[in-house]
PDB file of N, CA and C in Angstrom:
ATOM      1  N   MET A   1      19.698  29.911 -24.425  1.00  0.00           N
ATOM      2  CA  MET A   1      18.359  29.342 -24.431  1.00  0.00           C
ATOM      3  C   MET A   1      17.348  30.437 -24.760  1.00  0.00           C
ATOM      4  N   ASN A   2      16.402  30.042 -25.540  1.00  0.00           N
ATOM      5  CA  ASN A   2      15.375  31.032 -25.838  1.00  0.00           C
ATOM      6  C   ASN A   2      14.288  30.995 -24.765  1.00  0.00           C
ATOM      7  N   LYS A   3      13.331  31.883 -24.891  1.00  0.00           N
ATOM      8  CA  LYS A   3      12.307  32.059 -23.867  1.00  0.00           C
ATOM      9  C   LYS A   3      11.432  30.818 -23.718  1.00  0.00           C
ATOM     10  N   LYS A   4      11.067  30.165 -24.826  1.00  0.00           N
ATOM     11  CA  LYS A   4      10.221  28.972 -24.770  1.00  0.00           C
ATOM     12  C   LYS A   4      10.929  27.817 -24.055  1.00  0.00           C
ATOM     13  N   SER A   5      12.204  27.655 -24.300  1.00  0.00           N
ATOM     14  CA  SER A   5      12.966  26.584 -23.649  1.00  0.00           C
ATOM     15  C   SER A   5      13.057  26.805 -22.145  1.00  0.00           C
ATOM     16  N   MET A   6      13.265  28.033 -21.749  1.00  0.00           N
ATOM     17  CA  MET A   6      13.364  28.336 -20.318  1.00  0.00           C
ATOM     18  C   MET A   6      12.028  28.087 -19.633  1.00  0.00           C
ATOM     19  N   ILE A   7      10.941  28.453 -20.278  1.00  0.00           N
ATOM     20  CA  ILE A   7       9.619  28.206 -19.696  1.00  0.00           C
ATOM     21  C   ILE A   7       9.357  26.715 -19.582  1.00  0.00           C
ATOM     22  N   ALA A   8       9.757  25.950 -20.600  1.00  0.00           N
ATOM     23  CA  ALA A   8       9.565  24.503 -20.577  1.00  0.00           C
ATOM     24  C   ALA A   8      10.356  23.857 -19.444  1.00  0.00           C
ATOM     25  N   VAL A   9      11.599  24.282 -19.256  1.00  0.00           N
ATOM     26  CA  VAL A   9      12.438  23.734 -18.191  1.00  0.00           C
ATOM     27  C   VAL A   9      11.852  24.097 -16.825  1.00  0.00           C
ATOM     28  N   LEU A  10      11.423  25.322 -16.649  1.00  0.00           N
ATOM     29  CA  LEU A  10      10.832  25.737 -15.377  1.00  0.00           C
ATOM     30  C   LEU A  10       9.532  24.982 -15.106  1.00  0.00           C
ATOM     31  N   LEU A  11       8.745  24.729 -16.145  1.00  0.00           N
ATOM     32  CA  LEU A  11       7.509  23.974 -15.985  1.00  0.00           C
ATOM     33  C   LEU A  11       7.802  22.530 -15.568  1.00  0.00           C
ATOM     34  N   ILE A  12       8.802  21.923 -16.167  1.00  0.00           N
ATOM     35  CA  ILE A  12       9.185  20.552 -15.791  1.00  0.00           C
ATOM     36  C   ILE A  12       9.670  20.508 -14.348  1.00  0.00           C
ATOM     37  N   ILE A  13      10.478  21.475 -13.954  1.00  0.00           N
ATOM     38  CA  ILE A  13      10.967  21.526 -12.572  1.00  0.00           C
ATOM     39  C   ILE A  13       9.807  21.738 -11.603  1.00  0.00           C
ATOM     40  N   LEU A  14       8.852  22.586 -11.954  1.00  0.00           N
ATOM     41  CA  LEU A  14       7.691  22.829 -11.112  1.00  0.00           C
ATOM     42  C   LEU A  14       6.853  21.564 -10.960  1.00  0.00           C
ATOM     43  N   LEU A  15       6.611  20.860 -12.047  1.00  0.00           N
ATOM     44  CA  LEU A  15       5.833  19.619 -11.975  1.00  0.00           C
ATOM     45  C   LEU A  15       6.547  18.546 -11.157  1.00  0.00           C
ATOM     46  N   ALA A  16       7.856  18.448 -11.296  1.00  0.00           N
ATOM     47  CA  ALA A  16       8.617  17.474 -10.509  1.00  0.00           C
ATOM     48  C   ALA A  16       8.555  17.808  -9.026  1.00  0.00           C
ATOM     49  N   THR A  17       8.649  19.085  -8.692  1.00  0.00           N
ATOM     50  CA  THR A  17       8.584  19.512  -7.294  1.00  0.00           C
ATOM     51  C   THR A  17       7.216  19.219  -6.699  1.00  0.00           C
ATOM     52  N   ILE A  18       6.175  19.509  -7.446  1.00  0.00           N
ATOM     53  CA  ILE A  18       4.820  19.236  -6.962  1.00  0.00           C
ATOM     54  C   ILE A  18       4.623  17.736  -6.753  1.00  0.00           C
ATOM     55  N   SER A  19       5.148  16.928  -7.666  1.00  0.00           N
ATOM     56  CA  SER A  19       5.011  15.475  -7.533  1.00  0.00           C
ATOM     57  C   SER A  19       5.721  14.955  -6.285  1.00  0.00           C
ATOM     58  N   VAL A  20       6.927  15.429  -6.045  1.00  0.00           N
ATOM     59  CA  VAL A  20       7.702  14.966  -4.889  1.00  0.00           C
ATOM     60  C   VAL A  20       7.062  15.437  -3.581  1.00  0.00           C
ATOM     61  N   LEU A  21       6.603  16.670  -3.536  1.00  0.00           N
ATOM     62  CA  LEU A  21       6.000  17.180  -2.313  1.00  0.00           C
ATOM     63  C   LEU A  21       4.616  16.585  -2.058  1.00  0.00           C
ATOM     64  N   GLY A  22       3.902  16.189  -3.094  1.00  0.00           N
ATOM     65  CA  GLY A  22       2.578  15.621  -2.936  1.00  0.00           C
ATOM     66  C   GLY A  22       2.581  14.134  -2.635  1.00  0.00           C
ATOM     67  N   LEU A  23       3.718  13.492  -2.771  1.00  0.00           N
ATOM     68  CA  LEU A  23       3.805  12.046  -2.556  1.00  0.00           C
ATOM     69  C   LEU A  23       3.403  11.604  -1.151  1.00  0.00           C
ATOM     70  N   PRO A  24       3.852  12.246  -0.067  1.00  0.00           N
ATOM     71  CA  PRO A  24       3.427  11.814   1.275  1.00  0.00           C
ATOM     72  C   PRO A  24       1.915  11.919   1.481  1.00  0.00           C
ATOM     73  N   PHE A  25       1.302  12.955   0.926  1.00  0.00           N
ATOM     74  CA  PHE A  25      -0.141  13.102   1.072  1.00  0.00           C
ATOM     75  C   PHE A  25      -0.887  11.992   0.332  1.00  0.00           C
ATOM     76  N   MET A  26      -0.392  11.637  -0.845  1.00  0.00           N
ATOM     77  CA  MET A  26      -1.051  10.602  -1.634  1.00  0.00           C
ATOM     78  C   MET A  26      -0.885   9.238  -0.970  1.00  0.00           C
ATOM     79  N   THR A  27       0.286   8.945  -0.428  1.00  0.00           N
ATOM     80  CA  THR A  27       0.463   7.650   0.234  1.00  0.00           C
ATOM     81  C   THR A  27      -0.400   7.555   1.485  1.00  0.00           C
ATOM     82  N   HIS A  28      -0.562   8.654   2.209  1.00  0.00           N
ATOM     83  CA  HIS A  28      -1.435   8.645   3.391  1.00  0.00           C
ATOM     84  C   HIS A  28      -2.879   8.376   2.978  1.00  0.00           C
ATOM     85  N   LYS A  29      -3.304   8.968   1.884  1.00  0.00           N
ATOM     86  CA  LYS A  29      -4.661   8.754   1.387  1.00  0.00           C
ATOM     87  C   LYS A  29      -4.852   7.288   0.972  1.00  0.00           C
ATOM     88  N   ILE A  30      -3.867   6.700   0.338  1.00  0.00           N
ATOM     89  CA  ILE A  30      -3.948   5.292  -0.075  1.00  0.00           C
ATOM     90  C   ILE A  30      -4.015   4.383   1.151  1.00  0.00           C
ATOM     91  N   GLU A  31      -3.217   4.676   2.172  1.00  0.00           N
ATOM     92  CA  GLU A  31      -3.240   3.878   3.396  1.00  0.00           C
ATOM     93  C   GLU A  31      -4.609   3.943   4.069  1.00  0.00           C
ATOM     94  N   GLN A  32      -5.193   5.124   4.143  1.00  0.00           N
ATOM     95  CA  GLN A  32      -6.510   5.261   4.763  1.00  0.00           C
ATOM     96  C   GLN A  32      -7.564   4.491   3.975  1.00  0.00           C
ATOM     97  N   HIS A  33      -7.474   4.540   2.667  1.00  0.00           N
ATOM     98  CA  HIS A  33      -8.440   3.818   1.841  1.00  0.00           C
ATOM     99  C   HIS A  33      -8.299   2.312   2.041  1.00  0.00           C
ATOM    100  N   ALA A  34      -7.064   1.826   2.131  1.00  0.00           N
ATOM    101  CA  ALA A  34      -6.834   0.392   2.319  1.00  0.00           C
ATOM    102  C   ALA A  34      -7.348  -0.079   3.680  1.00  0.00           C
ATOM    103  N   GLU A  35      -7.276   0.779   4.682  1.00  0.00           N
ATOM    104  CA  GLU A  35      -7.754   0.402   6.015  1.00  0.00           C
ATOM    105  C   GLU A  35      -9.274   0.370   6.092  1.00  0.00           C
ATOM    106  N   THR A  36      -9.957   1.125   5.250  1.00  0.00           N
ATOM    107  CA  THR A  36     -11.412   1.174   5.315  1.00  0.00           C
ATOM    108  C   THR A  36     -12.083   0.064   4.504  1.00  0.00           C
ATOM    109  N   ILE A  37     -11.326  -0.608   3.646  1.00  0.00           N
ATOM    110  CA  ILE A  37     -11.903  -1.680   2.840  1.00  0.00           C
ATOM    111  C   ILE A  37     -12.288  -2.838   3.757  1.00  0.00           C
ATOM    112  N   MET A  38     -13.483  -3.384   3.550  1.00  0.00           N
ATOM    113  CA  MET A  38     -13.951  -4.474   4.395  1.00  0.00           C
ATOM    114  C   MET A  38     -13.094  -5.720   4.163  1.00  0.00           C
ATOM    115  N   GLN A  39     -12.757  -6.389   5.242  1.00  0.00           N
ATOM    116  CA  GLN A  39     -11.951  -7.581   5.141  1.00  0.00           C
ATOM    117  C   GLN A  39     -12.785  -8.739   4.615  1.00  0.00           C
ATOM    118  N   THR A  40     -12.150  -9.600   3.860  1.00  0.00           N
ATOM    119  CA  THR A  40     -12.834 -10.759   3.300  1.00  0.00           C
ATOM    120  C   THR A  40     -12.879 -11.863   4.341  1.00  0.00           C
ATOM    121  N   VAL A  41     -14.049 -12.438   4.535  1.00  0.00           N
ATOM    122  CA  VAL A  41     -14.217 -13.525   5.494  1.00  0.00           C
ATOM    123  C   VAL A  41     -14.260 -14.826   4.712  1.00  0.00           C
ATOM    124  N   THR A  42     -13.440 -15.762   5.109  1.00  0.00           N
ATOM    125  CA  THR A  42     -13.405 -17.059   4.431  1.00  0.00           C
ATOM    126  C   THR A  42     -13.908 -18.135   5.380  1.00  0.00           C
ATOM    127  N   ALA A  43     -14.102 -19.330   4.843  1.00  0.00           N
ATOM    128  CA  ALA A  43     -14.605 -20.444   5.642  1.00  0.00           C
ATOM    129  C   ALA A  43     -13.466 -21.243   6.272  1.00  0.00           C
ATOM    130  N   THR A  44     -12.263 -20.786   6.150  1.00  0.00           N
ATOM    131  CA  THR A  44     -11.126 -21.491   6.722  1.00  0.00           C
ATOM    132  C   THR A  44     -11.158 -21.335   8.242  1.00  0.00           C
ATOM    133  N   PRO A  45     -11.157 -22.445   8.991  1.00  0.00           N
ATOM    134  CA  PRO A  45     -11.193 -22.331  10.453  1.00  0.00           C
ATOM    135  C   PRO A  45      -9.878 -21.791  11.007  1.00  0.00           C
ATOM    136  N   GLN A  46      -9.963 -21.244  12.185  1.00  0.00           N
ATOM    137  CA  GLN A  46      -8.762 -20.758  12.847  1.00  0.00           C
ATOM    138  C   GLN A  46      -7.882 -21.947  13.210  1.00  0.00           C
ATOM    139  N   PRO A  47      -6.562 -21.776  13.127  1.00  0.00           N
ATOM    140  CA  PRO A  47      -5.683 -22.892  13.492  1.00  0.00           C
ATOM    141  C   PRO A  47      -5.816 -23.251  14.964  1.00  0.00           C
ATOM    142  N   ASN A  48      -5.778 -24.533  15.247  1.00  0.00           N
ATOM    143  CA  ASN A  48      -5.880 -25.024  16.609  1.00  0.00           C
ATOM    144  C   ASN A  48      -4.623 -25.834  16.886  1.00  0.00           C
ATOM    145  N   ASP A  49      -3.932 -25.515  17.957  1.00  0.00           N
ATOM    146  CA  ASP A  49      -2.671 -26.197  18.251  1.00  0.00           C
ATOM    147  C   ASP A  49      -2.871 -27.692  18.459  1.00  0.00           C
ATOM    148  N   ASP A  50      -4.011 -28.092  19.008  1.00  0.00           N
ATOM    149  CA  ASP A  50      -4.246 -29.516  19.237  1.00  0.00           C
ATOM    150  C   ASP A  50      -4.329 -30.280  17.920  1.00  0.00           C
ATOM    151  N   TYR A  51      -4.955 -29.715  16.939  1.00  0.00           N
ATOM    152  CA  TYR A  51      -5.121 -30.403  15.662  1.00  0.00           C
ATOM    153  C   TYR A  51      -3.879 -30.283  14.785  1.00  0.00           C
ATOM    154  N   ASP A  52      -3.084 -29.270  15.006  1.00  0.00           N
ATOM    155  CA  ASP A  52      -1.897 -29.073  14.186  1.00  0.00           C
ATOM    156  C   ASP A  52      -0.725 -29.933  14.631  1.00  0.00           C
ATOM    157  N   SER A  53      -0.722 -30.402  15.839  1.00  0.00           N
ATOM    158  CA  SER A  53       0.429 -31.156  16.328  1.00  0.00           C
ATOM    159  C   SER A  53       0.313 -32.630  15.950  1.00  0.00           C
ATOM    160  N   MET A  54       1.421 -33.243  15.692  1.00  0.00           N
ATOM    161  CA  MET A  54       1.447 -34.666  15.336  1.00  0.00           C
ATOM    162  C   MET A  54       1.121 -35.537  16.549  1.00  0.00           C
ATOM    163  N   GLU A  55       1.415 -35.053  17.749  1.00  0.00           N
ATOM    164  CA  GLU A  55       1.143 -35.830  18.950  1.00  0.00           C
ATOM    165  C   GLU A  55      -0.350 -36.104  19.077  1.00  0.00           C
ATOM    166  N   TYR A  56      -1.186 -35.141  18.743  1.00  0.00           N
ATOM    167  CA  TYR A  56      -2.635 -35.317  18.855  1.00  0.00           C
ATOM    168  C   TYR A  56      -3.124 -36.391  17.885  1.00  0.00           C
ATOM    169  N   ILE A  57      -2.576 -36.395  16.672  1.00  0.00           N
ATOM    170  CA  ILE A  57      -2.995 -37.379  15.663  1.00  0.00           C
ATOM    171  C   ILE A  57      -2.557 -38.786  16.096  1.00  0.00           C
ATOM    172  N   GLU A  58      -1.349 -38.913  16.658  1.00  0.00           N
ATOM    173  CA  GLU A  58      -0.841 -40.217  17.046  1.00  0.00           C
ATOM    174  C   GLU A  58      -1.580 -40.798  18.235  1.00  0.00           C
ATOM    175  N   THR A  59      -2.114 -39.966  19.121  1.00  0.00           N
ATOM    176  CA  THR A  59      -2.780 -40.479  20.309  1.00  0.00           C
ATOM    177  C   THR A  59      -4.200 -40.950  20.046  1.00  0.00           C
ATOM    178  N   GLN A  60      -4.752 -40.633  18.922  1.00  0.00           N
ATOM    179  CA  GLN A  60      -6.137 -41.052  18.649  1.00  0.00           C
ATOM    180  C   GLN A  60      -6.213 -42.387  18.028  1.00  0.00           C
TER     181      GLN A  60
END
């Protein structure tokens, strides 16, 4: 192998190592960002066991 090929291989190995070692930090950053995003509020009411059961509908 000539000098340029060896440098290219070492550079690829270095970039792969940095990517693998940096992955936990990046996933932690993504998780923190996802937790800080405001939750969307919808007009859907909370489920109520009385209204969800068939017994309640039949008794009315």
